[in-house]
């Protein structure tokens, strides 16, 4: 399984904590979160989860297509319930890890820090 280079770069620099987001050092294709995504999403998509927002059940993962890990990032919120057609678990999608950091992680980090000061 080949992980996007941008993510590997962040790991090498030990850039894994952007409160409220935290990124995993080791990615597990068979994680419970990946399985829940598959069960709760009605369009038969798969992800390799790499991150979680610490204060809610929001996760981020690289999409998997035809067994290959892609560059695009899917942000999703699990219900831990049976799939319902009236609720889409996907909150947003980004073309790559850098777009995800810029448009999701950093603004949420800025907001979180403002609340803490």
C-alpha atoms as a PDB file:
ATOM      1  CA  UNK A   1       0.000   0.000   0.000  1.00  0.00           C
ATOM      2  CA  UNK A   2       1.550   3.252  -1.142  1.00  0.00           C
ATOM      3  CA  UNK A   3       0.739   6.314   0.998  1.00  0.00           C
ATOM      4  CA  UNK A   4       0.734   9.776  -0.679  1.00  0.00           C
ATOM      5  CA  UNK A   5       4.149  11.445  -0.486  1.00  0.00           C
ATOM      6  CA  UNK A   6       2.724  14.612   1.079  1.00  0.00           C
ATOM      7  CA  UNK A   7       1.522  12.634   4.097  1.00  0.00           C
ATOM      8  CA  UNK A   8       4.835  10.800   4.457  1.00  0.00           C
ATOM      9  CA  UNK A   9       6.595  14.180   4.387  1.00  0.00           C
ATOM     10  CA  UNK A  10       4.448  15.472   7.266  1.00  0.00           C
ATOM     11  CA  UNK A  11       5.203  12.304   9.259  1.00  0.00           C
ATOM     12  CA  UNK A  12       8.956  12.635   8.706  1.00  0.00           C
ATOM     13  CA  UNK A  13       8.771  16.188  10.060  1.00  0.00           C
ATOM     14  CA  UNK A  14       6.701  14.914  13.019  1.00  0.00           C
ATOM     15  CA  UNK A  15       3.804  17.186  12.029  1.00  0.00           C
ATOM     16  CA  UNK A  16       1.009  15.029  13.407  1.00  0.00           C
ATOM     17  CA  UNK A  17      -0.803  17.261  15.928  1.00  0.00           C
ATOM     18  CA  UNK A  18      -2.805  20.258  14.792  1.00  0.00           C
ATOM     19  CA  UNK A  19      -5.290  20.618  17.638  1.00  0.00           C
ATOM     20  CA  UNK A  20      -8.101  19.667  17.303  1.00  0.00           C
ATOM     21  CA  UNK A  21      -6.787  17.312  14.563  1.00  0.00           C
ATOM     22  CA  UNK A  22      -4.368  14.459  15.130  1.00  0.00           C
ATOM     23  CA  UNK A  23      -2.803  12.263  12.445  1.00  0.00           C
ATOM     24  CA  UNK A  24      -1.822   8.613  12.750  1.00  0.00           C
ATOM     25  CA  UNK A  25       1.791   7.551  12.356  1.00  0.00           C
ATOM     26  CA  UNK A  26       0.806   4.051  11.261  1.00  0.00           C
ATOM     27  CA  UNK A  27      -2.128   3.546   8.918  1.00  0.00           C
ATOM     28  CA  UNK A  28      -4.176   0.369   9.113  1.00  0.00           C
ATOM     29  CA  UNK A  29      -6.200  -0.716   6.092  1.00  0.00           C
ATOM     30  CA  UNK A  30      -8.318  -2.972   8.323  1.00  0.00           C
ATOM     31  CA  UNK A  31      -9.160  -0.400  10.997  1.00  0.00           C
ATOM     32  CA  UNK A  32     -12.636  -0.263  12.520  1.00  0.00           C
ATOM     33  CA  UNK A  33     -13.085   3.290  11.196  1.00  0.00           C
ATOM     34  CA  UNK A  34     -12.363   2.219   7.594  1.00  0.00           C
ATOM     35  CA  UNK A  35     -14.912  -0.598   7.964  1.00  0.00           C
ATOM     36  CA  UNK A  36     -17.531   1.751   9.471  1.00  0.00           C
ATOM     37  CA  UNK A  37     -17.044   4.184   6.577  1.00  0.00           C
ATOM     38  CA  UNK A  38     -17.666   1.367   4.110  1.00  0.00           C
ATOM     39  CA  UNK A  39     -20.780   0.249   5.999  1.00  0.00           C
ATOM     40  CA  UNK A  40     -22.276   3.708   6.481  1.00  0.00           C
ATOM     41  CA  UNK A  41     -21.554   5.150   3.037  1.00  0.00           C
ATOM     42  CA  UNK A  42     -24.129   4.116   0.492  1.00  0.00           C
ATOM     43  CA  UNK A  43     -22.002   4.539  -2.655  1.00  0.00           C
ATOM     44  CA  UNK A  44     -19.574   1.679  -1.999  1.00  0.00           C
ATOM     45  CA  UNK A  45     -16.493   3.874  -1.491  1.00  0.00           C
ATOM     46  CA  UNK A  46     -13.449   3.031   0.618  1.00  0.00           C
ATOM     47  CA  UNK A  47     -10.963   5.106   2.607  1.00  0.00           C
ATOM     48  CA  UNK A  48      -7.692   4.666   4.429  1.00  0.00           C
ATOM     49  CA  UNK A  49      -8.224   6.739   7.570  1.00  0.00           C
ATOM     50  CA  UNK A  50      -5.244   8.791   8.718  1.00  0.00           C
ATOM     51  CA  UNK A  51      -6.679  11.410  11.054  1.00  0.00           C
ATOM     52  CA  UNK A  52      -9.335  12.297  13.589  1.00  0.00           C
ATOM     53  CA  UNK A  53     -10.724  15.474  15.013  1.00  0.00           C
ATOM     54  CA  UNK A  54     -10.298  14.943  18.750  1.00  0.00           C
ATOM     55  CA  UNK A  55     -13.510  16.569  19.951  1.00  0.00           C
ATOM     56  CA  UNK A  56     -15.983  14.747  17.670  1.00  0.00           C
ATOM     57  CA  UNK A  57     -16.422  11.657  15.498  1.00  0.00           C
ATOM     58  CA  UNK A  58     -14.981  13.366  12.429  1.00  0.00           C
ATOM     59  CA  UNK A  59     -12.248  11.562  10.519  1.00  0.00           C
ATOM     60  CA  UNK A  60     -10.100  12.076   7.429  1.00  0.00           C
ATOM     61  CA  UNK A  61      -8.869   9.461   5.008  1.00  0.00           C
ATOM     62  CA  UNK A  62      -7.380   8.961   1.589  1.00  0.00           C
ATOM     63  CA  UNK A  63      -9.820   7.440  -0.872  1.00  0.00           C
ATOM     64  CA  UNK A  64      -9.052   3.949  -2.130  1.00  0.00           C
ATOM     65  CA  UNK A  65      -9.993   3.149  -5.726  1.00  0.00           C
ATOM     66  CA  UNK A  66      -9.352  -0.239  -7.301  1.00  0.00           C
ATOM     67  CA  UNK A  67      -7.125  -1.186  -4.365  1.00  0.00           C
ATOM     68  CA  UNK A  68      -4.908   1.896  -4.791  1.00  0.00           C
ATOM     69  CA  UNK A  69      -4.580   4.704  -2.215  1.00  0.00           C
ATOM     70  CA  UNK A  70      -5.353   7.996  -3.978  1.00  0.00           C
ATOM     71  CA  UNK A  71      -4.203  11.575  -3.247  1.00  0.00           C
ATOM     72  CA  UNK A  72      -7.689  12.924  -2.515  1.00  0.00           C
ATOM     73  CA  UNK A  73      -8.854  13.310   1.085  1.00  0.00           C
ATOM     74  CA  UNK A  74     -12.361  12.529   2.322  1.00  0.00           C
ATOM     75  CA  UNK A  75     -13.543  14.124   5.588  1.00  0.00           C
ATOM     76  CA  UNK A  76     -16.413  12.207   7.138  1.00  0.00           C
ATOM     77  CA  UNK A  77     -18.507  12.040  10.277  1.00  0.00           C
ATOM     78  CA  UNK A  78     -19.577   8.577  11.375  1.00  0.00           C
ATOM     79  CA  UNK A  79     -22.913   7.943  13.048  1.00  0.00           C
ATOM     80  CA  UNK A  80     -22.002   4.447  14.256  1.00  0.00           C
ATOM     81  CA  UNK A  81     -25.539   3.526  13.192  1.00  0.00           C
ATOM     82  CA  UNK A  82     -26.926   1.535  10.286  1.00  0.00           C
ATOM     83  CA  UNK A  83     -26.692   3.442   7.000  1.00  0.00           C
ATOM     84  CA  UNK A  84     -29.610   5.777   6.369  1.00  0.00           C
ATOM     85  CA  UNK A  85     -30.193   7.228   2.927  1.00  0.00           C
ATOM     86  CA  UNK A  86     -31.155  10.656   4.290  1.00  0.00           C
ATOM     87  CA  UNK A  87     -27.736  11.435   5.777  1.00  0.00           C
ATOM     88  CA  UNK A  88     -24.465  11.692   3.867  1.00  0.00           C
ATOM     89  CA  UNK A  89     -21.526  10.946   6.174  1.00  0.00           C
ATOM     90  CA  UNK A  90     -19.105  12.839   3.911  1.00  0.00           C
ATOM     91  CA  UNK A  91     -18.605  16.414   5.124  1.00  0.00           C
ATOM     92  CA  UNK A  92     -16.106  17.519   2.493  1.00  0.00           C
ATOM     93  CA  UNK A  93     -13.543  16.326  -0.028  1.00  0.00           C
ATOM     94  CA  UNK A  94     -10.164  17.778  -0.969  1.00  0.00           C
ATOM     95  CA  UNK A  95      -7.953  17.126  -3.981  1.00  0.00           C
ATOM     96  CA  UNK A  96      -4.920  16.313  -1.823  1.00  0.00           C
ATOM     97  CA  UNK A  97      -3.429  16.420   1.665  1.00  0.00           C
ATOM     98  CA  UNK A  98      -2.133  19.995   1.316  1.00  0.00           C
ATOM     99  CA  UNK A  99      -5.557  21.321   0.323  1.00  0.00           C
ATOM    100  CA  UNK A 100      -7.034  19.482   3.331  1.00  0.00           C
ATOM    101  CA  UNK A 101      -4.448  21.072   5.671  1.00  0.00           C
ATOM    102  CA  UNK A 102      -4.976  24.542   4.218  1.00  0.00           C
ATOM    103  CA  UNK A 103      -8.781  24.573   3.996  1.00  0.00           C
ATOM    104  CA  UNK A 104      -9.861  22.343   6.887  1.00  0.00           C
ATOM    105  CA  UNK A 105      -7.165  21.754   9.501  1.00  0.00           C
ATOM    106  CA  UNK A 106      -5.545  25.194   9.809  1.00  0.00           C
ATOM    107  CA  UNK A 107      -8.842  27.174   9.991  1.00  0.00           C
ATOM    108  CA  UNK A 108     -10.152  24.786  12.659  1.00  0.00           C
ATOM    109  CA  UNK A 109      -6.868  25.033  14.551  1.00  0.00           C
ATOM    110  CA  UNK A 110      -7.068  28.841  14.421  1.00  0.00           C
ATOM    111  CA  UNK A 111     -10.624  28.746  15.759  1.00  0.00           C
ATOM    112  CA  UNK A 112      -9.691  26.279  18.513  1.00  0.00           C
ATOM    113  CA  UNK A 113      -6.719  28.369  19.664  1.00  0.00           C
ATOM    114  CA  UNK A 114      -8.900  31.472  19.789  1.00  0.00           C
ATOM    115  CA  UNK A 115     -11.281  29.657  22.158  1.00  0.00           C
ATOM    116  CA  UNK A 116      -8.414  28.559  24.410  1.00  0.00           C
ATOM    117  CA  UNK A 117      -6.806  31.981  24.945  1.00  0.00           C
END
